[in-house]
N, C-alpha and C. Protein backbone atom coordinates (compact mmCIF):
# COMPACT_ATOMS: atom_id res chain seq x y z
N MET A 1 -60.30 -29.09 14.83
CA MET A 1 -59.75 -29.33 13.51
C MET A 1 -57.93 -29.37 14.16
N ARG A 2 -56.77 -30.04 13.52
CA ARG A 2 -55.52 -30.80 13.80
C ARG A 2 -55.00 -29.22 12.63
N ASP A 3 -54.18 -29.18 13.63
CA ASP A 3 -52.92 -28.24 13.39
C ASP A 3 -52.59 -28.48 11.46
N ARG A 4 -52.21 -27.62 10.65
CA ARG A 4 -51.79 -27.82 9.43
C ARG A 4 -50.10 -27.17 9.14
N ALA A 5 -49.65 -28.29 9.26
CA ALA A 5 -48.10 -27.99 8.32
C ALA A 5 -48.41 -27.12 7.24
N GLY A 6 -47.59 -25.71 7.27
CA GLY A 6 -47.34 -25.14 6.15
C GLY A 6 -48.80 -23.55 6.32
N PHE A 7 -49.47 -24.33 7.07
CA PHE A 7 -50.83 -23.55 7.27
C PHE A 7 -51.03 -22.54 8.54
N ASP A 8 -50.98 -23.84 9.79
CA ASP A 8 -50.45 -22.57 11.14
C ASP A 8 -48.93 -23.06 12.15
N TRP A 9 -47.67 -22.94 10.71
CA TRP A 9 -46.53 -22.75 11.18
C TRP A 9 -45.74 -23.27 10.05
N LYS A 10 -45.04 -23.02 9.27
CA LYS A 10 -43.67 -22.68 8.26
C LYS A 10 -43.31 -24.48 8.52
N MET A 11 -43.38 -24.95 7.91
CA MET A 11 -42.96 -26.28 7.05
C MET A 11 -41.54 -26.10 7.65
N THR A 12 -40.59 -26.62 7.86
CA THR A 12 -38.80 -26.65 8.57
C THR A 12 -38.25 -27.29 7.29
N PRO A 13 -36.80 -27.08 7.40
CA PRO A 13 -36.39 -27.59 6.57
C PRO A 13 -36.39 -29.21 7.06
N GLU A 14 -36.47 -29.91 7.99
CA GLU A 14 -36.22 -30.45 8.48
C GLU A 14 -37.60 -31.75 8.36
N GLU A 15 -38.19 -31.33 8.31
CA GLU A 15 -39.76 -31.66 8.26
C GLU A 15 -39.65 -31.65 6.85
N ILE A 16 -39.43 -30.82 5.67
CA ILE A 16 -39.13 -31.37 4.68
C ILE A 16 -38.38 -33.17 4.05
N ASN A 17 -37.37 -32.69 4.45
CA ASN A 17 -36.21 -33.64 3.87
C ASN A 17 -36.99 -34.72 4.62
N MET A 18 -38.05 -35.26 5.58
CA MET A 18 -38.91 -36.53 6.24
C MET A 18 -39.59 -37.14 4.79
N LEU A 19 -39.72 -36.19 4.30
CA LEU A 19 -41.14 -36.51 2.82
C LEU A 19 -40.70 -37.07 1.77
N PRO A 20 -41.16 -37.80 1.36
CA PRO A 20 -40.36 -38.79 -0.15
C PRO A 20 -40.12 -37.89 -1.23
N ILE A 21 -38.97 -38.09 -2.18
CA ILE A 21 -38.61 -37.47 -3.46
C ILE A 21 -39.85 -37.27 -4.61
N LYS A 22 -39.77 -36.95 -5.21
CA LYS A 22 -40.80 -37.26 -6.71
C LYS A 22 -40.14 -36.35 -7.95
N LYS A 23 -40.60 -36.75 -8.15
CA LYS A 23 -39.45 -36.45 -9.71
C LYS A 23 -40.87 -36.18 -11.03
N CYS A 24 -40.58 -35.33 -12.08
CA CYS A 24 -41.47 -35.24 -13.05
C CYS A 24 -42.59 -36.57 -13.68
N GLU A 25 -43.35 -37.16 -13.40
CA GLU A 25 -44.09 -38.42 -14.09
C GLU A 25 -44.88 -37.93 -15.14
N VAL A 26 -44.18 -36.80 -15.82
CA VAL A 26 -44.82 -37.02 -17.33
C VAL A 26 -44.19 -36.62 -18.19
N PRO A 27 -43.70 -37.58 -19.78
CA PRO A 27 -42.57 -37.67 -21.38
C PRO A 27 -42.37 -35.99 -20.66
N VAL A 28 -40.59 -35.97 -20.91
CA VAL A 28 -40.05 -34.51 -21.23
C VAL A 28 -39.89 -34.69 -22.77
N ARG A 29 -40.14 -33.46 -23.75
CA ARG A 29 -39.15 -33.40 -24.24
C ARG A 29 -38.88 -31.76 -24.80
N LEU A 30 -37.48 -32.49 -25.59
CA LEU A 30 -36.60 -31.40 -25.78
C LEU A 30 -36.40 -30.56 -26.89
N ILE A 31 -36.58 -29.37 -27.17
CA ILE A 31 -36.78 -28.86 -27.97
C ILE A 31 -35.88 -27.75 -28.33
N ARG A 32 -35.30 -28.26 -29.58
CA ARG A 32 -33.88 -27.47 -29.66
C ARG A 32 -34.01 -26.96 -31.25
N THR A 33 -34.83 -27.40 -32.19
CA THR A 33 -34.99 -27.01 -33.55
C THR A 33 -35.80 -26.12 -33.40
N ARG A 34 -36.06 -24.72 -34.84
CA ARG A 34 -37.25 -24.61 -35.04
C ARG A 34 -38.50 -25.38 -35.51
N GLU A 35 -38.16 -26.93 -36.00
CA GLU A 35 -39.78 -27.53 -36.38
C GLU A 35 -40.18 -28.04 -35.00
N GLU A 36 -39.16 -27.79 -34.32
CA GLU A 36 -39.86 -28.74 -32.74
C GLU A 36 -40.24 -27.29 -32.23
N VAL A 37 -39.63 -25.89 -32.03
CA VAL A 37 -40.51 -25.06 -31.60
C VAL A 37 -42.30 -25.28 -31.87
N ILE A 38 -42.35 -25.23 -33.47
CA ILE A 38 -43.18 -25.07 -33.73
C ILE A 38 -43.74 -26.00 -33.69
N SER A 39 -44.10 -27.11 -33.69
CA SER A 39 -44.98 -28.94 -33.40
C SER A 39 -44.99 -28.53 -31.88
N ALA A 40 -43.94 -28.13 -30.93
CA ALA A 40 -44.33 -27.77 -29.57
C ALA A 40 -45.25 -26.50 -29.42
N VAL A 41 -45.43 -25.57 -29.44
CA VAL A 41 -45.85 -24.38 -29.35
C VAL A 41 -47.90 -24.40 -29.73
N GLU A 42 -48.20 -25.26 -30.88
CA GLU A 42 -49.16 -26.16 -31.69
C GLU A 42 -49.71 -26.53 -30.22
N VAL A 43 -49.02 -27.36 -29.50
CA VAL A 43 -49.79 -28.15 -28.31
C VAL A 43 -50.14 -26.98 -27.03
N LEU A 44 -48.80 -26.19 -26.91
CA LEU A 44 -49.33 -25.94 -25.89
C LEU A 44 -50.27 -24.43 -25.83
N SER A 45 -50.54 -24.12 -26.77
CA SER A 45 -51.08 -23.20 -27.79
C SER A 45 -52.48 -23.45 -27.19
N ASP A 46 -52.97 -24.86 -26.89
CA ASP A 46 -54.41 -25.05 -26.16
C ASP A 46 -54.24 -25.95 -24.97
N GLU A 47 -53.16 -25.26 -24.10
CA GLU A 47 -53.66 -25.52 -22.96
C GLU A 47 -53.84 -24.19 -22.03
N THR A 48 -54.48 -23.96 -20.64
CA THR A 48 -55.08 -23.28 -20.22
C THR A 48 -54.35 -22.54 -19.17
N VAL A 49 -53.32 -24.26 -18.57
CA VAL A 49 -52.45 -23.51 -17.38
C VAL A 49 -50.85 -24.41 -17.85
N LEU A 50 -49.80 -23.69 -17.66
CA LEU A 50 -48.76 -24.07 -18.15
C LEU A 50 -48.05 -23.70 -16.65
N GLY A 51 -47.51 -24.98 -16.35
CA GLY A 51 -45.87 -24.95 -15.52
C GLY A 51 -44.68 -24.17 -16.35
N PHE A 52 -44.05 -22.79 -15.18
CA PHE A 52 -43.66 -22.27 -16.12
C PHE A 52 -42.00 -22.18 -14.97
N ASP A 53 -40.98 -22.27 -15.79
CA ASP A 53 -39.73 -21.63 -15.10
C ASP A 53 -38.46 -21.71 -16.39
N THR A 54 -36.95 -21.23 -15.17
CA THR A 54 -36.51 -21.06 -16.73
C THR A 54 -35.08 -21.34 -16.05
N GLU A 55 -34.17 -21.65 -16.57
CA GLU A 55 -32.51 -21.91 -16.23
C GLU A 55 -32.03 -20.81 -16.44
N THR A 56 -30.57 -21.21 -15.94
CA THR A 56 -29.29 -19.54 -16.87
C THR A 56 -28.05 -20.58 -15.80
N LYS A 57 -27.43 -20.09 -16.77
CA LYS A 57 -26.12 -21.08 -16.33
C LYS A 57 -25.44 -20.18 -15.14
N PRO A 58 -25.00 -20.28 -14.58
CA PRO A 58 -25.30 -19.77 -12.67
C PRO A 58 -23.48 -19.03 -12.92
N ALA A 59 -23.82 -17.77 -11.99
CA ALA A 59 -22.65 -17.27 -12.46
C ALA A 59 -21.91 -16.80 -11.12
N PHE A 60 -20.71 -17.02 -11.39
CA PHE A 60 -19.42 -17.27 -9.95
C PHE A 60 -18.69 -15.72 -9.73
N LYS A 61 -18.65 -15.22 -10.86
CA LYS A 61 -18.11 -13.85 -10.79
C LYS A 61 -18.32 -12.80 -10.14
N LYS A 62 -18.39 -11.70 -9.21
CA LYS A 62 -18.83 -10.14 -9.05
C LYS A 62 -19.37 -9.41 -10.84
N GLY A 63 -20.79 -9.27 -11.06
CA GLY A 63 -21.58 -8.53 -11.77
C GLY A 63 -21.06 -9.01 -13.46
N GLN A 64 -20.81 -10.50 -13.13
CA GLN A 64 -21.37 -11.56 -14.59
C GLN A 64 -22.62 -12.10 -14.26
N ALA A 65 -23.04 -11.57 -15.38
CA ALA A 65 -23.94 -12.38 -15.91
C ALA A 65 -24.31 -13.01 -17.16
N HIS A 66 -25.19 -14.06 -17.42
CA HIS A 66 -25.11 -14.96 -18.18
C HIS A 66 -26.91 -14.55 -18.54
N PRO A 67 -27.25 -15.22 -20.42
CA PRO A 67 -28.71 -14.96 -20.51
C PRO A 67 -29.32 -16.06 -20.26
N THR A 68 -31.06 -16.24 -20.47
CA THR A 68 -31.46 -17.07 -19.73
C THR A 68 -31.17 -18.54 -21.04
N ALA A 69 -30.64 -19.55 -20.58
CA ALA A 69 -30.01 -21.09 -21.37
C ALA A 69 -31.60 -21.74 -21.85
N LEU A 70 -32.93 -21.72 -20.87
CA LEU A 70 -33.52 -22.61 -20.81
C LEU A 70 -34.52 -22.35 -20.27
N ILE A 71 -35.75 -22.56 -21.22
CA ILE A 71 -36.83 -22.45 -20.64
C ILE A 71 -38.02 -23.67 -20.56
N GLN A 72 -38.30 -23.63 -19.55
CA GLN A 72 -39.46 -25.20 -19.22
C GLN A 72 -41.05 -24.72 -18.73
N LEU A 73 -42.09 -25.16 -19.79
CA LEU A 73 -43.04 -25.62 -20.43
C LEU A 73 -44.10 -26.37 -19.93
N ALA A 74 -45.08 -26.53 -19.01
CA ALA A 74 -45.58 -28.11 -18.43
C ALA A 74 -46.84 -27.85 -18.72
N GLY A 75 -47.08 -29.13 -19.77
CA GLY A 75 -48.91 -28.82 -19.92
C GLY A 75 -49.21 -29.79 -19.45
N ARG A 76 -50.67 -30.47 -19.86
CA ARG A 76 -51.74 -31.83 -19.37
C ARG A 76 -50.85 -32.92 -19.32
N GLU A 77 -50.02 -33.34 -20.34
CA GLU A 77 -49.04 -34.73 -20.98
C GLU A 77 -48.07 -34.77 -21.15
N ALA A 78 -47.14 -33.61 -21.26
CA ALA A 78 -45.42 -33.43 -20.96
C ALA A 78 -44.98 -32.05 -20.91
N VAL A 79 -44.04 -32.54 -20.80
CA VAL A 79 -42.84 -31.28 -20.40
C VAL A 79 -42.08 -31.10 -21.65
N TYR A 80 -42.11 -29.86 -21.86
CA TYR A 80 -40.91 -29.13 -22.37
C TYR A 80 -40.38 -28.62 -23.00
N LEU A 81 -38.89 -29.02 -22.37
CA LEU A 81 -37.94 -27.68 -22.72
C LEU A 81 -37.42 -27.12 -23.91
N PHE A 82 -37.41 -25.72 -23.63
CA PHE A 82 -36.85 -24.89 -24.63
C PHE A 82 -35.11 -24.31 -24.85
N GLN A 83 -34.54 -25.19 -25.32
CA GLN A 83 -33.47 -24.62 -25.30
C GLN A 83 -32.61 -23.41 -26.36
N LEU A 84 -32.67 -22.23 -25.86
CA LEU A 84 -32.59 -20.87 -26.33
C LEU A 84 -31.25 -21.40 -26.69
N ARG A 85 -31.17 -20.73 -28.35
CA ARG A 85 -29.41 -20.83 -28.87
C ARG A 85 -29.82 -18.77 -29.18
N GLU A 86 -28.29 -19.40 -28.80
CA GLU A 86 -27.93 -17.28 -29.51
C GLU A 86 -28.29 -16.72 -28.91
N SER A 87 -29.13 -16.50 -28.01
CA SER A 87 -29.51 -15.64 -27.10
C SER A 87 -30.81 -15.40 -27.72
N ASN A 88 -31.85 -16.50 -28.59
CA ASN A 88 -32.49 -15.74 -29.64
C ASN A 88 -34.00 -16.77 -28.64
N LEU A 89 -34.93 -15.97 -28.70
CA LEU A 89 -36.66 -16.35 -28.09
C LEU A 89 -37.45 -16.04 -29.03
N PRO A 90 -37.89 -17.33 -29.47
CA PRO A 90 -38.68 -17.28 -30.44
C PRO A 90 -40.48 -16.86 -30.65
N LYS A 91 -40.59 -16.20 -31.82
CA LYS A 91 -41.67 -14.94 -31.33
C LYS A 91 -42.75 -15.89 -30.61
N MET A 92 -42.74 -17.41 -31.80
CA MET A 92 -44.25 -18.13 -31.22
C MET A 92 -44.25 -17.44 -29.34
N LEU A 93 -42.94 -18.32 -28.67
CA LEU A 93 -42.72 -18.40 -27.25
C LEU A 93 -43.13 -17.02 -26.61
N ARG A 94 -42.61 -15.99 -27.39
CA ARG A 94 -43.45 -14.77 -27.07
C ARG A 94 -44.92 -14.46 -27.40
N ASP A 95 -45.54 -14.77 -27.90
CA ASP A 95 -47.00 -15.04 -28.66
C ASP A 95 -47.86 -15.79 -27.17
N ILE A 96 -46.66 -16.96 -26.67
CA ILE A 96 -47.36 -17.51 -25.45
C ILE A 96 -47.53 -16.52 -23.87
N PHE A 97 -46.29 -16.13 -24.29
CA PHE A 97 -45.99 -15.20 -23.02
C PHE A 97 -47.23 -13.77 -22.81
N SER A 98 -47.28 -13.40 -24.20
CA SER A 98 -48.26 -12.48 -23.91
C SER A 98 -49.53 -12.66 -24.11
N ASN A 99 -50.12 -14.29 -24.34
CA ASN A 99 -51.80 -14.37 -24.09
C ASN A 99 -52.10 -14.08 -23.01
N PRO A 100 -53.54 -13.98 -22.36
CA PRO A 100 -53.85 -13.69 -21.42
C PRO A 100 -54.44 -14.88 -21.23
N GLY A 101 -55.31 -15.56 -21.92
CA GLY A 101 -55.75 -16.73 -22.08
C GLY A 101 -55.41 -18.60 -21.61
N VAL A 102 -53.59 -17.81 -21.47
CA VAL A 102 -52.74 -19.19 -21.07
C VAL A 102 -51.94 -18.85 -19.74
N ILE A 103 -52.37 -19.32 -18.82
CA ILE A 103 -51.83 -19.34 -17.43
C ILE A 103 -50.40 -19.85 -17.55
N LYS A 104 -49.57 -19.09 -17.19
CA LYS A 104 -48.17 -19.50 -16.90
C LYS A 104 -47.95 -19.39 -15.00
N ALA A 105 -48.01 -20.81 -14.84
CA ALA A 105 -47.59 -20.21 -13.56
C ALA A 105 -46.32 -20.78 -12.85
N GLY A 106 -45.63 -20.01 -12.26
CA GLY A 106 -44.32 -20.27 -11.37
C GLY A 106 -43.83 -19.82 -10.42
N VAL A 107 -43.24 -20.14 -9.46
CA VAL A 107 -42.63 -18.82 -8.20
C VAL A 107 -41.44 -18.31 -8.91
N ALA A 108 -41.79 -17.11 -8.16
CA ALA A 108 -40.88 -16.32 -8.14
C ALA A 108 -40.21 -15.97 -9.41
N LEU A 109 -41.30 -15.40 -10.55
CA LEU A 109 -40.69 -15.47 -11.59
C LEU A 109 -40.95 -13.97 -12.48
N ASN A 110 -41.18 -12.83 -11.47
CA ASN A 110 -40.73 -11.74 -12.20
C ASN A 110 -39.43 -11.61 -12.85
N ASP A 111 -38.15 -11.95 -12.32
CA ASP A 111 -37.10 -12.01 -12.84
C ASP A 111 -36.64 -12.89 -13.92
N ASP A 112 -37.55 -14.06 -14.05
CA ASP A 112 -37.36 -14.68 -15.36
C ASP A 112 -37.77 -14.17 -16.20
N VAL A 113 -39.23 -13.12 -15.85
CA VAL A 113 -39.91 -13.37 -17.20
C VAL A 113 -38.94 -11.38 -17.49
N LYS A 114 -38.15 -10.47 -16.54
CA LYS A 114 -37.47 -9.44 -17.42
C LYS A 114 -36.06 -10.25 -17.78
N LYS A 115 -35.49 -11.31 -17.70
CA LYS A 115 -34.82 -11.92 -17.93
C LYS A 115 -34.58 -12.10 -19.60
N LEU A 116 -36.01 -12.86 -19.88
CA LEU A 116 -36.27 -12.64 -20.89
C LEU A 116 -36.84 -11.83 -21.96
N GLN A 117 -37.71 -10.59 -20.93
CA GLN A 117 -37.65 -9.89 -22.44
C GLN A 117 -36.09 -8.76 -22.53
N GLN A 118 -35.31 -9.08 -21.76
CA GLN A 118 -34.15 -8.54 -22.72
C GLN A 118 -33.62 -9.12 -23.75
N LEU A 119 -34.21 -10.49 -24.05
CA LEU A 119 -33.49 -10.87 -25.15
C LEU A 119 -34.40 -10.88 -26.44
N ALA A 120 -35.94 -10.15 -26.06
CA ALA A 120 -36.69 -10.13 -26.98
C ALA A 120 -38.50 -9.13 -26.35
N PHE A 121 -38.31 -8.26 -26.44
CA PHE A 121 -39.17 -7.97 -25.52
C PHE A 121 -40.50 -8.16 -25.63
N PHE A 122 -41.33 -8.41 -25.20
CA PHE A 122 -43.12 -9.25 -24.89
C PHE A 122 -43.71 -8.27 -23.97
N LYS A 123 -44.34 -7.76 -24.23
CA LYS A 123 -45.83 -7.47 -22.94
C LYS A 123 -46.51 -8.83 -22.46
N LYS A 124 -46.02 -8.74 -20.87
CA LYS A 124 -45.98 -10.18 -19.91
C LYS A 124 -47.56 -10.62 -20.13
N SER A 125 -48.55 -11.11 -20.02
CA SER A 125 -50.19 -11.44 -20.02
C SER A 125 -49.93 -12.68 -19.30
N GLY A 126 -51.18 -13.13 -18.15
CA GLY A 126 -51.33 -14.57 -18.12
C GLY A 126 -50.12 -14.80 -16.95
N PHE A 127 -49.28 -14.43 -16.41
CA PHE A 127 -48.18 -15.31 -15.40
C PHE A 127 -49.01 -14.82 -13.92
N VAL A 128 -48.87 -15.71 -13.47
CA VAL A 128 -49.09 -16.03 -11.90
C VAL A 128 -48.20 -16.26 -10.69
N ASP A 129 -47.76 -15.84 -9.66
CA ASP A 129 -47.20 -15.83 -8.81
C ASP A 129 -47.00 -16.91 -7.78
N LEU A 130 -46.76 -18.58 -7.57
CA LEU A 130 -47.60 -18.99 -7.11
C LEU A 130 -47.12 -18.60 -5.50
N GLY A 131 -45.88 -17.67 -5.20
CA GLY A 131 -45.45 -17.62 -4.06
C GLY A 131 -46.74 -16.70 -3.78
N ASP A 132 -46.68 -15.19 -4.39
CA ASP A 132 -47.96 -15.22 -3.99
C ASP A 132 -49.54 -15.58 -3.42
N ALA A 133 -49.81 -16.57 -4.60
CA ALA A 133 -50.64 -17.23 -4.28
C ALA A 133 -50.78 -17.50 -2.79
N ALA A 134 -50.05 -18.03 -2.75
CA ALA A 134 -49.92 -18.66 -1.27
C ALA A 134 -49.75 -18.04 0.14
N ARG A 135 -49.07 -17.29 -0.29
CA ARG A 135 -49.81 -15.79 0.11
C ARG A 135 -50.68 -15.68 0.89
N GLN A 136 -51.17 -15.40 0.06
CA GLN A 136 -53.38 -14.68 -0.59
C GLN A 136 -53.63 -15.42 0.63
N ALA A 137 -53.57 -17.49 0.29
CA ALA A 137 -54.20 -18.45 0.58
C ALA A 137 -53.70 -18.86 2.73
N GLY A 138 -52.51 -17.80 2.47
CA GLY A 138 -52.42 -18.18 4.70
C GLY A 138 -51.02 -19.02 4.43
N ILE A 139 -50.77 -19.79 3.29
CA ILE A 139 -49.65 -20.70 3.11
C ILE A 139 -48.57 -19.78 3.72
N LYS A 140 -47.47 -20.57 4.59
CA LYS A 140 -46.44 -19.57 5.20
C LYS A 140 -44.97 -20.23 4.50
N ASN A 141 -45.46 -21.29 3.59
CA ASN A 141 -44.10 -21.55 2.62
C ASN A 141 -44.44 -21.06 1.62
N HIS A 142 -43.40 -20.18 0.83
CA HIS A 142 -43.65 -19.54 -0.06
C HIS A 142 -42.57 -20.17 -1.53
N GLY A 143 -41.72 -20.65 -1.18
CA GLY A 143 -40.53 -21.68 -2.21
C GLY A 143 -41.56 -22.67 -2.79
N LEU A 144 -40.87 -22.95 -3.98
CA LEU A 144 -41.08 -24.29 -4.85
C LEU A 144 -41.30 -25.50 -4.10
N ARG A 145 -39.87 -25.64 -3.23
CA ARG A 145 -39.96 -26.97 -2.51
C ARG A 145 -40.61 -27.47 -1.36
N GLY A 146 -41.02 -25.90 -0.46
CA GLY A 146 -41.69 -25.86 0.82
C GLY A 146 -43.32 -26.08 0.25
N LEU A 147 -43.92 -25.30 -1.27
CA LEU A 147 -45.06 -25.04 -1.14
C LEU A 147 -44.98 -26.64 -1.70
N ALA A 148 -44.10 -27.47 -2.24
CA ALA A 148 -44.65 -28.80 -2.60
C ALA A 148 -44.43 -30.30 -2.06
N ALA A 149 -43.93 -29.41 -1.03
CA ALA A 149 -43.86 -30.01 1.02
C ALA A 149 -45.51 -30.37 1.24
N VAL A 150 -46.13 -28.61 1.27
CA VAL A 150 -47.44 -28.43 2.12
C VAL A 150 -48.25 -28.84 1.49
N LEU A 151 -48.22 -29.13 -0.22
CA LEU A 151 -50.04 -28.90 -0.95
C LEU A 151 -49.80 -30.16 -1.32
N LEU A 152 -48.35 -31.43 -2.08
CA LEU A 152 -48.23 -32.08 -2.54
C LEU A 152 -47.63 -33.37 -1.99
N GLY A 153 -47.56 -32.62 -0.86
CA GLY A 153 -46.76 -34.27 0.67
C GLY A 153 -45.38 -34.45 -0.08
N PHE A 154 -44.68 -34.26 -0.91
CA PHE A 154 -43.25 -34.93 -1.55
C PHE A 154 -42.36 -33.52 -1.57
N ARG A 155 -41.06 -34.02 -1.09
CA ARG A 155 -40.49 -33.06 -1.72
C ARG A 155 -39.35 -33.34 -3.43
N ILE A 156 -38.76 -32.00 -3.47
CA ILE A 156 -38.15 -31.88 -4.96
C ILE A 156 -36.77 -31.83 -4.68
N THR A 157 -35.84 -32.94 -5.50
CA THR A 157 -34.55 -31.98 -5.16
C THR A 157 -33.47 -30.66 -6.12
N LYS A 158 -32.75 -30.18 -5.57
CA LYS A 158 -32.22 -28.93 -5.71
C LYS A 158 -30.99 -28.99 -6.25
N LYS A 159 -30.54 -30.28 -6.20
CA LYS A 159 -29.52 -31.07 -6.77
C LYS A 159 -28.14 -30.25 -7.76
N ALA A 160 -29.15 -30.18 -8.82
CA ALA A 160 -28.82 -29.79 -10.21
C ALA A 160 -28.72 -28.29 -10.71
N ARG A 161 -29.44 -27.32 -9.83
CA ARG A 161 -30.23 -26.16 -9.63
C ARG A 161 -28.44 -24.99 -10.29
N LEU A 162 -27.25 -25.60 -9.31
CA LEU A 162 -25.67 -24.51 -10.35
C LEU A 162 -25.32 -25.38 -11.32
N SER A 163 -25.75 -26.30 -12.17
CA SER A 163 -25.02 -26.66 -13.27
C SER A 163 -25.67 -26.01 -14.35
N ASN A 164 -24.05 -26.54 -15.07
CA ASN A 164 -24.28 -25.23 -16.67
C ASN A 164 -25.34 -25.94 -17.45
N TRP A 165 -26.40 -24.60 -17.77
CA TRP A 165 -27.32 -24.57 -18.07
C TRP A 165 -27.41 -24.26 -19.74
N SER A 166 -26.13 -24.26 -20.28
CA SER A 166 -25.75 -23.95 -21.48
C SER A 166 -25.35 -24.55 -22.51
N ARG A 167 -24.95 -25.59 -21.56
CA ARG A 167 -24.08 -26.86 -22.62
C ARG A 167 -24.91 -27.69 -23.74
N GLU A 168 -24.34 -27.87 -24.72
CA GLU A 168 -25.17 -28.11 -26.16
C GLU A 168 -26.14 -29.79 -25.19
N THR A 169 -25.45 -30.23 -24.85
CA THR A 169 -26.33 -31.72 -24.36
C THR A 169 -26.73 -31.76 -23.03
N LEU A 170 -27.69 -31.21 -22.12
CA LEU A 170 -27.90 -31.21 -21.26
C LEU A 170 -27.96 -32.94 -19.90
N SER A 171 -27.54 -33.07 -19.15
CA SER A 171 -27.18 -34.55 -18.00
C SER A 171 -29.01 -34.32 -17.94
N LYS A 172 -28.63 -36.43 -17.74
CA LYS A 172 -30.70 -36.60 -17.48
C LYS A 172 -30.63 -36.08 -16.22
N ALA A 173 -29.55 -35.60 -15.10
CA ALA A 173 -30.17 -34.84 -14.22
C ALA A 173 -30.83 -33.73 -14.54
N GLN A 174 -29.97 -32.93 -15.36
CA GLN A 174 -30.43 -31.74 -15.29
C GLN A 174 -32.04 -31.65 -16.23
N VAL A 175 -31.99 -32.34 -16.98
CA VAL A 175 -33.02 -32.38 -17.84
C VAL A 175 -34.15 -33.37 -16.76
N LYS A 176 -34.06 -33.86 -15.70
CA LYS A 176 -35.11 -34.75 -14.39
C LYS A 176 -35.62 -33.18 -14.17
N TYR A 177 -34.30 -32.67 -13.19
CA TYR A 177 -34.80 -31.31 -12.57
C TYR A 177 -35.76 -30.27 -13.14
N ALA A 178 -34.99 -29.80 -14.33
CA ALA A 178 -35.71 -29.05 -14.81
C ALA A 178 -37.05 -29.03 -15.00
N ALA A 179 -37.28 -30.50 -15.83
CA ALA A 179 -38.77 -30.91 -15.89
C ALA A 179 -39.86 -30.53 -14.61
N THR A 180 -38.91 -31.17 -13.91
CA THR A 180 -40.07 -31.59 -12.59
C THR A 180 -39.89 -30.12 -11.84
N ASP A 181 -39.52 -28.95 -11.96
CA ASP A 181 -39.85 -27.49 -11.88
C ASP A 181 -40.89 -27.00 -12.46
N ALA A 182 -41.18 -27.53 -13.32
CA ALA A 182 -42.32 -26.68 -14.01
C ALA A 182 -43.63 -27.74 -13.77
N TRP A 183 -43.34 -28.76 -13.86
CA TRP A 183 -44.50 -29.99 -13.27
C TRP A 183 -44.81 -29.32 -12.27
N VAL A 184 -44.46 -29.56 -11.38
CA VAL A 184 -44.54 -29.60 -10.20
C VAL A 184 -45.08 -28.15 -9.89
N SER A 185 -45.10 -26.93 -10.47
CA SER A 185 -45.56 -25.69 -10.27
C SER A 185 -47.07 -25.74 -11.38
N ARG A 186 -47.25 -26.59 -11.99
CA ARG A 186 -48.09 -26.77 -12.85
C ARG A 186 -49.47 -27.79 -11.65
N LYS A 187 -49.20 -28.11 -11.47
CA LYS A 187 -49.47 -29.21 -10.02
C LYS A 187 -50.21 -28.01 -8.88
N LEU A 188 -49.38 -26.80 -8.75
CA LEU A 188 -48.94 -26.70 -7.58
C LEU A 188 -50.43 -25.35 -7.89
N TYR A 189 -50.58 -25.21 -8.95
CA TYR A 189 -51.44 -23.68 -9.39
C TYR A 189 -52.32 -24.65 -8.76
N SER A 190 -52.85 -25.74 -9.58
CA SER A 190 -54.11 -26.36 -9.39
C SER A 190 -54.96 -26.82 -7.74
N ARG A 191 -53.50 -27.06 -7.42
CA ARG A 191 -53.94 -27.34 -5.72
C ARG A 191 -54.44 -25.71 -5.24
N LEU A 192 -53.23 -24.51 -5.49
CA LEU A 192 -53.29 -23.44 -4.89
C LEU A 192 -55.27 -23.03 -5.02
N GLU A 193 -55.69 -23.17 -6.29
CA GLU A 193 -57.41 -23.11 -6.72
C GLU A 193 -58.19 -23.90 -6.34
N GLU A 194 -57.62 -25.06 -5.09
CA GLU A 194 -58.45 -25.76 -4.76
C GLU A 194 -58.83 -25.19 -3.45
N VAL A 195 -57.43 -24.65 -2.88
CA VAL A 195 -57.13 -23.99 -1.28
C VAL A 195 -58.19 -22.48 -1.61
N ARG A 196 -58.04 -22.04 -2.81
CA ARG A 196 -59.05 -21.35 -2.94
C ARG A 196 -60.12 -20.68 -2.56
N MET A 197 -60.74 -21.57 -3.66
CA MET A 197 -62.49 -22.48 -3.69
C MET A 197 -62.81 -23.09 -1.77
N GLY A 198 -61.62 -23.63 -1.67
CA GLY A 198 -62.53 -24.19 0.17
C GLY A 198 -62.43 -25.74 0.03
N ASN A 199 -62.04 -26.56 -1.20
CA ASN A 199 -62.41 -27.37 -2.08
C ASN A 199 -61.09 -28.31 -1.21
N LEU A 200 -59.90 -27.88 -0.63
CA LEU A 200 -58.90 -28.33 0.04
C LEU A 200 -58.86 -28.04 1.21
N CYS A 201 -58.28 -29.35 2.45
CA CYS A 201 -58.61 -28.94 3.79
C CYS A 201 -56.98 -29.82 3.47
N VAL A 202 -55.91 -29.06 3.95
CA VAL A 202 -54.51 -29.40 3.69
C VAL A 202 -54.35 -30.36 5.85
N SER A 203 -53.82 -31.21 5.32
CA SER A 203 -53.33 -31.19 7.35
C SER A 203 -52.44 -32.67 7.62
N ARG A 204 -52.11 -32.77 8.56
CA ARG A 204 -50.89 -34.04 8.94
C ARG A 204 -50.71 -34.32 10.25
């Protein structure tokens, strides 16, 4: 059997940087109004697996913190970006976050969920940490970028991570970055399920 990158050794940043860059390949919907939230949640509630991520305006001073500004949820056919206004977390989104029948898959999502619960409490259910799932599968890379490299064969860019997510109008780069993280998370969940079932052999 050939050695497998990510399984027999941890892929290095240099190895990851040799891979092609990919960005979200499905439509992206920006959600701002109550009506848009209702329409989006109607679609997302019928999904069984959602890619999940959040973005927050970065804090550069000690002790400074900002509330969650953006929630990304990726379904089969589109990624939905919910811009939170006045730190308001709509009940319809809380219902999805409490629904055990809808998997929400992401990396290092405990802190994301805790910050959302500070806006409005909900009982979380159905969240799957892809990093934990990767450890259980014997994969040595646990971050989103590393997992994309190991399991999907491409790299994602993190250039927009420290930008201002609280701005009213997000840049095209921000929209693509945010959508890509959730889109990749959903794809990774499916790949990790294949690894768990023994139906996927990753080799390089």
